[in-house]
Amino acid sequence: WGGLPPDFAREVALDAASLAAAQDQLAVFLEARGVPALVRQRIRLVVEELGANLMMHARFPAGPASLVIQVRLGQGHVHLALEDAAEPFDPRATADPPP
């Protein structure tokens, strides 16, 4: 983002209620800035799916699990960044699941 601060930033505890509240706050923020409904819905889905994936599968050795959500608005673009402190996961390093 070229050193510019995000237009929206939240650190969220990785639990269903906190994630849902952050999604609501993000939706309100985006709507107030004229982001179309379809784009807001897609962004909400991305945050929900990645957050759920972290809640179900990630390991957080350094303490409580959280997710940082950042958004930067550009000319006709919404840039979304999600950051977590989970252990890295490489699917190539695991065995294939049974058929």
PDB file of N, CA and C in Angstrom:
ATOM      1  N   TRP A   1       0.813  -1.200   0.000  1.00  0.00           N
ATOM      2  CA  TRP A   1       0.000   0.000   0.000  1.00  0.00           C
ATOM      3  C   TRP A   1       0.845   1.247   0.000  1.00  0.00           C
ATOM      4  N   GLY A   2       2.099   1.081  -0.301  1.00  0.00           N
ATOM      5  CA  GLY A   2       2.972   2.228  -0.431  1.00  0.00           C
ATOM      6  C   GLY A   2       3.175   2.998   0.858  1.00  0.00           C
ATOM      7  N   GLY A   3       3.102   2.340   2.001  1.00  0.00           N
ATOM      8  CA  GLY A   3       3.310   3.015   3.272  1.00  0.00           C
ATOM      9  C   GLY A   3       2.103   3.779   3.781  1.00  0.00           C
ATOM     10  N   LEU A   4       1.011   3.792   3.026  1.00  0.00           N
ATOM     11  CA  LEU A   4      -0.191   4.482   3.478  1.00  0.00           C
ATOM     12  C   LEU A   4      -0.936   3.622   4.483  1.00  0.00           C
ATOM     13  N   PRO A   5      -1.556   4.250   5.485  1.00  0.00           N
ATOM     14  CA  PRO A   5      -2.321   3.457   6.452  1.00  0.00           C
ATOM     15  C   PRO A   5      -3.604   2.931   5.800  1.00  0.00           C
ATOM     16  N   PRO A   6      -4.141   1.840   6.324  1.00  0.00           N
ATOM     17  CA  PRO A   6      -5.402   1.337   5.778  1.00  0.00           C
ATOM     18  C   PRO A   6      -6.543   2.295   6.097  1.00  0.00           C
ATOM     19  N   ASP A   7      -7.578   2.235   5.277  1.00  0.00           N
ATOM     20  CA  ASP A   7      -8.777   3.038   5.534  1.00  0.00           C
ATOM     21  C   ASP A   7      -9.639   2.400   6.626  1.00  0.00           C
ATOM     22  N   PHE A   8      -9.515   1.089   6.777  1.00  0.00           N
ATOM     23  CA  PHE A   8     -10.255   0.331   7.789  1.00  0.00           C
ATOM     24  C   PHE A   8      -9.299  -0.705   8.350  1.00  0.00           C
ATOM     25  N   ALA A   9      -9.243  -0.840   9.662  1.00  0.00           N
ATOM     26  CA  ALA A   9      -8.384  -1.851  10.277  1.00  0.00           C
ATOM     27  C   ALA A   9      -9.001  -2.285  11.593  1.00  0.00           C
ATOM     28  N   ARG A  10      -9.061  -3.606  11.773  1.00  0.00           N
ATOM     29  CA  ARG A  10      -9.561  -4.174  13.020  1.00  0.00           C
ATOM     30  C   ARG A  10      -8.762  -5.429  13.352  1.00  0.00           C
ATOM     31  N   GLU A  11      -8.419  -5.580  14.618  1.00  0.00           N
ATOM     32  CA  GLU A  11      -7.895  -6.854  15.098  1.00  0.00           C
ATOM     33  C   GLU A  11      -9.046  -7.550  15.800  1.00  0.00           C
ATOM     34  N   VAL A  12      -9.299  -8.777  15.386  1.00  0.00           N
ATOM     35  CA  VAL A  12     -10.495  -9.483  15.807  1.00  0.00           C
ATOM     36  C   VAL A  12     -10.116 -10.797  16.481  1.00  0.00           C
ATOM     37  N   ALA A  13     -10.702 -11.071  17.628  1.00  0.00           N
ATOM     38  CA  ALA A  13     -10.542 -12.394  18.243  1.00  0.00           C
ATOM     39  C   ALA A  13     -11.198 -13.410  17.312  1.00  0.00           C
ATOM     40  N   LEU A  14     -10.562 -14.553  17.169  1.00  0.00           N
ATOM     41  CA  LEU A  14     -11.088 -15.576  16.262  1.00  0.00           C
ATOM     42  C   LEU A  14     -12.128 -16.435  16.968  1.00  0.00           C
ATOM     43  N   ASP A  15     -13.312 -15.849  17.107  1.00  0.00           N
ATOM     44  CA  ASP A  15     -14.489 -16.584  17.550  1.00  0.00           C
ATOM     45  C   ASP A  15     -15.646 -16.082  16.699  1.00  0.00           C
ATOM     46  N   ALA A  16     -16.696 -16.862  16.618  1.00  0.00           N
ATOM     47  CA  ALA A  16     -17.795 -16.564  15.690  1.00  0.00           C
ATOM     48  C   ALA A  16     -18.414 -15.185  15.935  1.00  0.00           C
ATOM     49  N   ALA A  17     -18.655 -14.840  17.189  1.00  0.00           N
ATOM     50  CA  ALA A  17     -19.307 -13.563  17.494  1.00  0.00           C
ATOM     51  C   ALA A  17     -18.424 -12.374  17.122  1.00  0.00           C
ATOM     52  N   SER A  18     -17.144 -12.439  17.449  1.00  0.00           N
ATOM     53  CA  SER A  18     -16.227 -11.333  17.135  1.00  0.00           C
ATOM     54  C   SER A  18     -16.045 -11.178  15.635  1.00  0.00           C
ATOM     55  N   LEU A  19     -15.938 -12.301  14.939  1.00  0.00           N
ATOM     56  CA  LEU A  19     -15.777 -12.244  13.487  1.00  0.00           C
ATOM     57  C   LEU A  19     -17.023 -11.652  12.834  1.00  0.00           C
ATOM     58  N   ALA A  20     -18.206 -12.069  13.282  1.00  0.00           N
ATOM     59  CA  ALA A  20     -19.455 -11.534  12.723  1.00  0.00           C
ATOM     60  C   ALA A  20     -19.574 -10.032  12.978  1.00  0.00           C
ATOM     61  N   ALA A  21     -19.187  -9.585  14.172  1.00  0.00           N
ATOM     62  CA  ALA A  21     -19.246  -8.154  14.489  1.00  0.00           C
ATOM     63  C   ALA A  21     -18.302  -7.360  13.586  1.00  0.00           C
ATOM     64  N   ALA A  22     -17.102  -7.884  13.354  1.00  0.00           N
ATOM     65  CA  ALA A  22     -16.147  -7.200  12.477  1.00  0.00           C
ATOM     66  C   ALA A  22     -16.663  -7.156  11.048  1.00  0.00           C
ATOM     67  N   GLN A  23     -17.302  -8.236  10.592  1.00  0.00           N
ATOM     68  CA  GLN A  23     -17.876  -8.246   9.247  1.00  0.00           C
ATOM     69  C   GLN A  23     -18.960  -7.179   9.134  1.00  0.00           C
ATOM     70  N   ASP A  24     -19.787  -7.041  10.159  1.00  0.00           N
ATOM     71  CA  ASP A  24     -20.825  -6.006  10.150  1.00  0.00           C
ATOM     72  C   ASP A  24     -20.201  -4.613  10.087  1.00  0.00           C
ATOM     73  N   GLN A  25     -19.157  -4.382  10.898  1.00  0.00           N
ATOM     74  CA  GLN A  25     -18.484  -3.079  10.892  1.00  0.00           C
ATOM     75  C   GLN A  25     -17.876  -2.787   9.529  1.00  0.00           C
ATOM     76  N   LEU A  26     -17.274  -3.794   8.920  1.00  0.00           N
ATOM     77  CA  LEU A  26     -16.680  -3.626   7.598  1.00  0.00           C
ATOM     78  C   LEU A  26     -17.751  -3.327   6.561  1.00  0.00           C
ATOM     79  N   ALA A  27     -18.879  -4.012   6.631  1.00  0.00           N
ATOM     80  CA  ALA A  27     -19.974  -3.775   5.682  1.00  0.00           C
ATOM     81  C   ALA A  27     -20.496  -2.341   5.792  1.00  0.00           C
ATOM     82  N   VAL A  28     -20.652  -1.854   7.018  1.00  0.00           N
ATOM     83  CA  VAL A  28     -21.114  -0.479   7.229  1.00  0.00           C
ATOM     84  C   VAL A  28     -20.096   0.505   6.657  1.00  0.00           C
ATOM     85  N   PHE A  29     -18.822   0.263   6.931  1.00  0.00           N
ATOM     86  CA  PHE A  29     -17.753   1.118   6.404  1.00  0.00           C
ATOM     87  C   PHE A  29     -17.801   1.167   4.875  1.00  0.00           C
ATOM     88  N   LEU A  30     -17.892  -0.002   4.239  1.00  0.00           N
ATOM     89  CA  LEU A  30     -17.889  -0.062   2.775  1.00  0.00           C
ATOM     90  C   LEU A  30     -19.134   0.578   2.178  1.00  0.00           C
ATOM     91  N   GLU A  31     -20.275   0.339   2.795  1.00  0.00           N
ATOM     92  CA  GLU A  31     -21.518   0.936   2.289  1.00  0.00           C
ATOM     93  C   GLU A  31     -21.459   2.460   2.364  1.00  0.00           C
ATOM     94  N   ALA A  32     -20.922   2.992   3.461  1.00  0.00           N
ATOM     95  CA  ALA A  32     -20.819   4.444   3.641  1.00  0.00           C
ATOM     96  C   ALA A  32     -19.914   5.082   2.594  1.00  0.00           C
ATOM     97  N   ARG A  33     -19.018   4.298   2.007  1.00  0.00           N
ATOM     98  CA  ARG A  33     -18.110   4.812   0.983  1.00  0.00           C
ATOM     99  C   ARG A  33     -18.541   4.451  -0.425  1.00  0.00           C
ATOM    100  N   GLY A  34     -19.780   3.952  -0.555  1.00  0.00           N
ATOM    101  CA  GLY A  34     -20.352   3.721  -1.877  1.00  0.00           C
ATOM    102  C   GLY A  34     -19.922   2.442  -2.571  1.00  0.00           C
ATOM    103  N   VAL A  35     -19.368   1.493  -1.828  1.00  0.00           N
ATOM    104  CA  VAL A  35     -18.972   0.221  -2.436  1.00  0.00           C
ATOM    105  C   VAL A  35     -20.246  -0.558  -2.759  1.00  0.00           C
ATOM    106  N   PRO A  36     -20.388  -1.047  -3.991  1.00  0.00           N
ATOM    107  CA  PRO A  36     -21.612  -1.751  -4.396  1.00  0.00           C
ATOM    108  C   PRO A  36     -21.919  -2.973  -3.523  1.00  0.00           C
ATOM    109  N   ALA A  37     -23.206  -3.283  -3.404  1.00  0.00           N
ATOM    110  CA  ALA A  37     -23.666  -4.381  -2.549  1.00  0.00           C
ATOM    111  C   ALA A  37     -23.016  -5.710  -2.917  1.00  0.00           C
ATOM    112  N   LEU A  38     -22.886  -6.023  -4.196  1.00  0.00           N
ATOM    113  CA  LEU A  38     -22.294  -7.296  -4.599  1.00  0.00           C
ATOM    114  C   LEU A  38     -20.841  -7.405  -4.128  1.00  0.00           C
ATOM    115  N   VAL A  39     -20.107  -6.319  -4.213  1.00  0.00           N
ATOM    116  CA  VAL A  39     -18.706  -6.312  -3.767  1.00  0.00           C
ATOM    117  C   VAL A  39     -18.659  -6.472  -2.253  1.00  0.00           C
ATOM    118  N   ARG A  40     -19.541  -5.781  -1.536  1.00  0.00           N
ATOM    119  CA  ARG A  40     -19.589  -5.926  -0.075  1.00  0.00           C
ATOM    120  C   ARG A  40     -19.895  -7.359   0.323  1.00  0.00           C
ATOM    121  N   GLN A  41     -20.817  -8.002  -0.373  1.00  0.00           N
ATOM    122  CA  GLN A  41     -21.157  -9.395  -0.072  1.00  0.00           C
ATOM    123  C   GLN A  41     -19.978 -10.323  -0.314  1.00  0.00           C
ATOM    124  N   ARG A  42     -19.261 -10.095  -1.399  1.00  0.00           N
ATOM    125  CA  ARG A  42     -18.104 -10.945  -1.707  1.00  0.00           C
ATOM    126  C   ARG A  42     -16.995 -10.768  -0.677  1.00  0.00           C
ATOM    127  N   ILE A  43     -16.753  -9.536  -0.266  1.00  0.00           N
ATOM    128  CA  ILE A  43     -15.731  -9.285   0.748  1.00  0.00           C
ATOM    129  C   ILE A  43     -16.135  -9.936   2.063  1.00  0.00           C
ATOM    130  N   ARG A  44     -17.394  -9.821   2.419  1.00  0.00           N
ATOM    131  CA  ARG A  44     -17.885 -10.461   3.644  1.00  0.00           C
ATOM    132  C   ARG A  44     -17.666 -11.974   3.591  1.00  0.00           C
ATOM    133  N   LEU A  45     -17.943 -12.577   2.450  1.00  0.00           N
ATOM    134  CA  LEU A  45     -17.774 -14.020   2.297  1.00  0.00           C
ATOM    135  C   LEU A  45     -16.304 -14.423   2.430  1.00  0.00           C
ATOM    136  N   VAL A  46     -15.411 -13.648   1.828  1.00  0.00           N
ATOM    137  CA  VAL A  46     -13.981 -13.951   1.927  1.00  0.00           C
ATOM    138  C   VAL A  46     -13.528 -13.904   3.395  1.00  0.00           C
ATOM    139  N   VAL A  47     -13.921 -12.865   4.103  1.00  0.00           N
ATOM    140  CA  VAL A  47     -13.533 -12.734   5.512  1.00  0.00           C
ATOM    141  C   VAL A  47     -14.129 -13.886   6.325  1.00  0.00           C
ATOM    142  N   GLU A  48     -15.382 -14.219   6.061  1.00  0.00           N
ATOM    143  CA  GLU A  48     -16.038 -15.312   6.791  1.00  0.00           C
ATOM    144  C   GLU A  48     -15.347 -16.649   6.544  1.00  0.00           C
ATOM    145  N   GLU A  49     -15.076 -16.969   5.286  1.00  0.00           N
ATOM    146  CA  GLU A  49     -14.475 -18.258   4.955  1.00  0.00           C
ATOM    147  C   GLU A  49     -13.050 -18.386   5.491  1.00  0.00           C
ATOM    148  N   LEU A  50     -12.255 -17.344   5.332  1.00  0.00           N
ATOM    149  CA  LEU A  50     -10.884 -17.416   5.838  1.00  0.00           C
ATOM    150  C   LEU A  50     -10.860 -17.428   7.361  1.00  0.00           C
ATOM    151  N   GLY A  51     -11.744 -16.666   7.984  1.00  0.00           N
ATOM    152  CA  GLY A  51     -11.830 -16.693   9.441  1.00  0.00           C
ATOM    153  C   GLY A  51     -12.265 -18.062   9.954  1.00  0.00           C
ATOM    154  N   ALA A  52     -13.269 -18.650   9.312  1.00  0.00           N
ATOM    155  CA  ALA A  52     -13.736 -19.984   9.715  1.00  0.00           C
ATOM    156  C   ALA A  52     -12.631 -21.017   9.520  1.00  0.00           C
ATOM    157  N   ASN A  53     -11.902 -20.911   8.432  1.00  0.00           N
ATOM    158  CA  ASN A  53     -10.802 -21.842   8.181  1.00  0.00           C
ATOM    159  C   ASN A  53      -9.747 -21.736   9.284  1.00  0.00           C
ATOM    160  N   LEU A  54      -9.428 -20.531   9.683  1.00  0.00           N
ATOM    161  CA  LEU A  54      -8.465 -20.348  10.777  1.00  0.00           C
ATOM    162  C   LEU A  54      -8.998 -20.922  12.088  1.00  0.00           C
ATOM    163  N   MET A  55     -10.285 -20.674  12.382  1.00  0.00           N
ATOM    164  CA  MET A  55     -10.861 -21.175  13.630  1.00  0.00           C
ATOM    165  C   MET A  55     -10.843 -22.702  13.672  1.00  0.00           C
ATOM    166  N   MET A  56     -11.101 -23.340  12.535  1.00  0.00           N
ATOM    167  CA  MET A  56     -11.204 -24.802  12.510  1.00  0.00           C
ATOM    168  C   MET A  56      -9.858 -25.502  12.401  1.00  0.00           C
ATOM    169  N   HIS A  57      -8.904 -24.916  11.696  1.00  0.00           N
ATOM    170  CA  HIS A  57      -7.714 -25.671  11.330  1.00  0.00           C
ATOM    171  C   HIS A  57      -6.379 -25.100  11.816  1.00  0.00           C
ATOM    172  N   ALA A  58      -6.319 -23.833  12.131  1.00  0.00           N
ATOM    173  CA  ALA A  58      -5.022 -23.210  12.427  1.00  0.00           C
ATOM    174  C   ALA A  58      -4.568 -23.499  13.855  1.00  0.00           C
ATOM    175  N   ARG A  59      -3.256 -23.448  14.016  1.00  0.00           N
ATOM    176  CA  ARG A  59      -2.633 -23.567  15.336  1.00  0.00           C
ATOM    177  C   ARG A  59      -1.942 -22.249  15.638  1.00  0.00           C
ATOM    178  N   PHE A  60      -2.172 -21.760  16.849  1.00  0.00           N
ATOM    179  CA  PHE A  60      -1.620 -20.479  17.281  1.00  0.00           C
ATOM    180  C   PHE A  60      -0.746 -20.709  18.510  1.00  0.00           C
ATOM    181  N   PRO A  61       0.534 -20.996  18.310  1.00  0.00           N
ATOM    182  CA  PRO A  61       1.404 -21.327  19.445  1.00  0.00           C
ATOM    183  C   PRO A  61       1.716 -20.138  20.355  1.00  0.00           C
ATOM    184  N   ALA A  62       1.568 -18.924  19.856  1.00  0.00           N
ATOM    185  CA  ALA A  62       1.992 -17.749  20.625  1.00  0.00           C
ATOM    186  C   ALA A  62       0.885 -17.159  21.492  1.00  0.00           C
ATOM    187  N   GLY A  63      -0.252 -17.819  21.598  1.00  0.00           N
ATOM    188  CA  GLY A  63      -1.292 -17.273  22.449  1.00  0.00           C
ATOM    189  C   GLY A  63      -2.635 -17.229  21.757  1.00  0.00           C
ATOM    190  N   PRO A  64      -3.521 -16.371  22.256  1.00  0.00           N
ATOM    191  CA  PRO A  64      -4.881 -16.314  21.722  1.00  0.00           C
ATOM    192  C   PRO A  64      -4.895 -16.017  20.216  1.00  0.00           C
ATOM    193  N   ALA A  65      -5.822 -16.641  19.545  1.00  0.00           N
ATOM    194  CA  ALA A  65      -5.944 -16.486  18.098  1.00  0.00           C
ATOM    195  C   ALA A  65      -6.646 -15.177  17.757  1.00  0.00           C
ATOM    196  N   SER A  66      -6.091 -14.468  16.798  1.00  0.00           N
ATOM    197  CA  SER A  66      -6.735 -13.248  16.305  1.00  0.00           C
ATOM    198  C   SER A  66      -6.454 -13.104  14.817  1.00  0.00           C
ATOM    199  N   LEU A  67      -7.222 -12.223  14.214  1.00  0.00           N
ATOM    200  CA  LEU A  67      -7.126 -11.940  12.787  1.00  0.00           C
ATOM    201  C   LEU A  67      -7.123 -10.429  12.625  1.00  0.00           C
ATOM    202  N   VAL A  68      -6.206  -9.912  11.831  1.00  0.00           N
ATOM    203  CA  VAL A  68      -6.187  -8.484  11.527  1.00  0.00           C
ATOM    204  C   VAL A  68      -6.791  -8.309  10.137  1.00  0.00           C
ATOM    205  N   ILE A  69      -7.822  -7.474  10.064  1.00  0.00           N
ATOM    206  CA  ILE A  69      -8.499  -7.174   8.805  1.00  0.00           C
ATOM    207  C   ILE A  69      -8.165  -5.737   8.435  1.00  0.00           C
ATOM    208  N   GLN A  70      -7.636  -5.551   7.227  1.00  0.00           N
ATOM    209  CA  GLN A  70      -7.316  -4.201   6.753  1.00  0.00           C
ATOM    210  C   GLN A  70      -7.901  -4.015   5.361  1.00  0.00           C
ATOM    211  N   VAL A  71      -8.411  -2.816   5.130  1.00  0.00           N
ATOM    212  CA  VAL A  71      -8.969  -2.462   3.826  1.00  0.00           C
ATOM    213  C   VAL A  71      -8.426  -1.111   3.415  1.00  0.00           C
ATOM    214  N   ARG A  72      -8.072  -1.032   2.178  1.00  0.00           N
ATOM    215  CA  ARG A  72      -7.650   0.243   1.558  1.00  0.00           C
ATOM    216  C   ARG A  72      -8.492   0.412   0.304  1.00  0.00           C
ATOM    217  N   LEU A  73      -9.116   1.560   0.167  1.00  0.00           N
ATOM    218  CA  LEU A  73      -9.939   1.854  -1.004  1.00  0.00           C
ATOM    219  C   LEU A  73      -9.121   2.602  -2.038  1.00  0.00           C
ATOM    220  N   GLY A  74      -9.255   2.194  -3.290  1.00  0.00           N
ATOM    221  CA  GLY A  74      -8.563   2.860  -4.392  1.00  0.00           C
ATOM    222  C   GLY A  74      -9.553   3.253  -5.463  1.00  0.00           C
ATOM    223  N   GLN A  75      -9.067   3.719  -6.566  1.00  0.00           N
ATOM    224  CA  GLN A  75      -9.921   4.105  -7.684  1.00  0.00           C
ATOM    225  C   GLN A  75     -10.629   2.867  -8.241  1.00  0.00           C
ATOM    226  N   GLY A  76     -11.859   2.637  -7.802  1.00  0.00           N
ATOM    227  CA  GLY A  76     -12.620   1.500  -8.289  1.00  0.00           C
ATOM    228  C   GLY A  76     -12.142   0.163  -7.755  1.00  0.00           C
ATOM    229  N   HIS A  77     -11.323   0.156  -6.696  1.00  0.00           N
ATOM    230  CA  HIS A  77     -10.787  -1.080  -6.134  1.00  0.00           C
ATOM    231  C   HIS A  77     -10.951  -1.088  -4.617  1.00  0.00           C
ATOM    232  N   VAL A  78     -11.122  -2.283  -4.096  1.00  0.00           N
ATOM    233  CA  VAL A  78     -11.064  -2.500  -2.660  1.00  0.00           C
ATOM    234  C   VAL A  78      -9.938  -3.497  -2.429  1.00  0.00           C
ATOM    235  N   HIS A  79      -8.950  -3.087  -1.670  1.00  0.00           N
ATOM    236  CA  HIS A  79      -7.811  -3.960  -1.361  1.00  0.00           C
ATOM    237  C   HIS A  79      -8.024  -4.505   0.047  1.00  0.00           C
ATOM    238  N   LEU A  80      -8.085  -5.815   0.157  1.00  0.00           N
ATOM    239  CA  LEU A  80      -8.331  -6.475   1.429  1.00  0.00           C
ATOM    240  C   LEU A  80      -7.088  -7.250   1.833  1.00  0.00           C
ATOM    241  N   ALA A  81      -6.665  -7.070   3.077  1.00  0.00           N
ATOM    242  CA  ALA A  81      -5.536  -7.830   3.610  1.00  0.00           C
ATOM    243  C   ALA A  81      -5.971  -8.466   4.925  1.00  0.00           C
ATOM    244  N   LEU A  82      -5.699  -9.751   5.054  1.00  0.00           N
ATOM    245  CA  LEU A  82      -5.977 -10.478   6.291  1.00  0.00           C
ATOM    246  C   LEU A  82      -4.651 -11.029   6.797  1.00  0.00           C
ATOM    247  N   GLU A  83      -4.399 -10.845   8.077  1.00  0.00           N
ATOM    248  CA  GLU A  83      -3.118 -11.280   8.649  1.00  0.00           C
ATOM    249  C   GLU A  83      -3.382 -12.035   9.950  1.00  0.00           C
ATOM    250  N   ASP A  84      -2.685 -13.163  10.111  1.00  0.00           N
ATOM    251  CA  ASP A  84      -2.832 -13.944  11.328  1.00  0.00           C
ATOM    252  C   ASP A  84      -1.455 -14.389  11.801  1.00  0.00           C
ATOM    253  N   ALA A  85      -1.424 -14.949  13.001  1.00  0.00           N
ATOM    254  CA  ALA A  85      -0.161 -15.420  13.568  1.00  0.00           C
ATOM    255  C   ALA A  85      -0.148 -16.937  13.704  1.00  0.00           C
ATOM    256  N   ALA A  86      -0.925 -17.609  12.881  1.00  0.00           N
ATOM    257  CA  ALA A  86      -0.966 -19.069  12.923  1.00  0.00           C
ATOM    258  C   ALA A  86       0.333 -19.652  12.393  1.00  0.00           C
ATOM    259  N   GLU A  87       0.607 -20.889  12.804  1.00  0.00           N
ATOM    260  CA  GLU A  87       1.763 -21.590  12.269  1.00  0.00           C
ATOM    261  C   GLU A  87       1.598 -21.732  10.755  1.00  0.00           C
ATOM    262  N   PRO A  88       2.672 -21.620  10.008  1.00  0.00           N
ATOM    263  CA  PRO A  88       2.571 -21.816   8.557  1.00  0.00           C
ATOM    264  C   PRO A  88       2.067 -23.223   8.250  1.00  0.00           C
ATOM    265  N   PHE A  89       1.343 -23.341   7.156  1.00  0.00           N
ATOM    266  CA  PHE A  89       0.815 -24.634   6.726  1.00  0.00           C
ATOM    267  C   PHE A  89       1.156 -24.828   5.252  1.00  0.00           C
ATOM    268  N   ASP A  90       1.784 -25.953   4.957  1.00  0.00           N
ATOM    269  CA  ASP A  90       2.118 -26.307   3.584  1.00  0.00           C
ATOM    270  C   ASP A  90       1.414 -27.618   3.256  1.00  0.00           C
ATOM    271  N   PRO A  91       0.344 -27.580   2.464  1.00  0.00           N
ATOM    272  CA  PRO A  91      -0.396 -28.809   2.181  1.00  0.00           C
ATOM    273  C   PRO A  91       0.450 -29.868   1.480  1.00  0.00           C
ATOM    274  N   ARG A  92       1.534 -29.451   0.849  1.00  0.00           N
ATOM    275  CA  ARG A  92       2.412 -30.437   0.187  1.00  0.00           C
ATOM    276  C   ARG A  92       3.191 -31.259   1.189  1.00  0.00           C
ATOM    277  N   ALA A  93       3.256 -30.806   2.430  1.00  0.00           N
ATOM    278  CA  ALA A  93       4.031 -31.502   3.444  1.00  0.00           C
ATOM    279  C   ALA A  93       3.187 -32.481   4.256  1.00  0.00           C
ATOM    280  N   THR A  94       1.933 -32.671   3.893  1.00  0.00           N
ATOM    281  CA  THR A  94       1.071 -33.595   4.623  1.00  0.00           C
ATOM    282  C   THR A  94       0.698 -34.767   3.715  1.00  0.00           C
ATOM    283  N   ALA A  95       0.304 -35.845   4.345  1.00  0.00           N
ATOM    284  CA  ALA A  95      -0.122 -37.019   3.593  1.00  0.00           C
ATOM    285  C   ALA A  95      -1.500 -36.775   2.985  1.00  0.00           C
ATOM    286  N   ASP A  96      -1.745 -37.396   1.856  1.00  0.00           N
ATOM    287  CA  ASP A  96      -3.065 -37.307   1.243  1.00  0.00           C
ATOM    288  C   ASP A  96      -4.089 -37.980   2.159  1.00  0.00           C
ATOM    289  N   PRO A  97      -5.299 -37.422   2.227  1.00  0.00           N
ATOM    290  CA  PRO A  97      -6.327 -38.053   3.061  1.00  0.00           C
ATOM    291  C   PRO A  97      -6.752 -39.391   2.439  1.00  0.00           C
ATOM    292  N   PRO A  98      -7.277 -40.280   3.252  1.00  0.00           N
ATOM    293  CA  PRO A  98      -7.731 -41.546   2.689  1.00  0.00           C
ATOM    294  C   PRO A  98      -8.875 -41.318   1.703  1.00  0.00           C
ATOM    295  N   PRO A  99      -9.021 -42.212   0.743  1.00  0.00           N
ATOM    296  CA  PRO A  99     -10.093 -42.027  -0.261  1.00  0.00           C
ATOM    297  C   PRO A  99     -11.471 -42.172   0.365  1.00  0.00           C
TER     298      PRO A  99
END
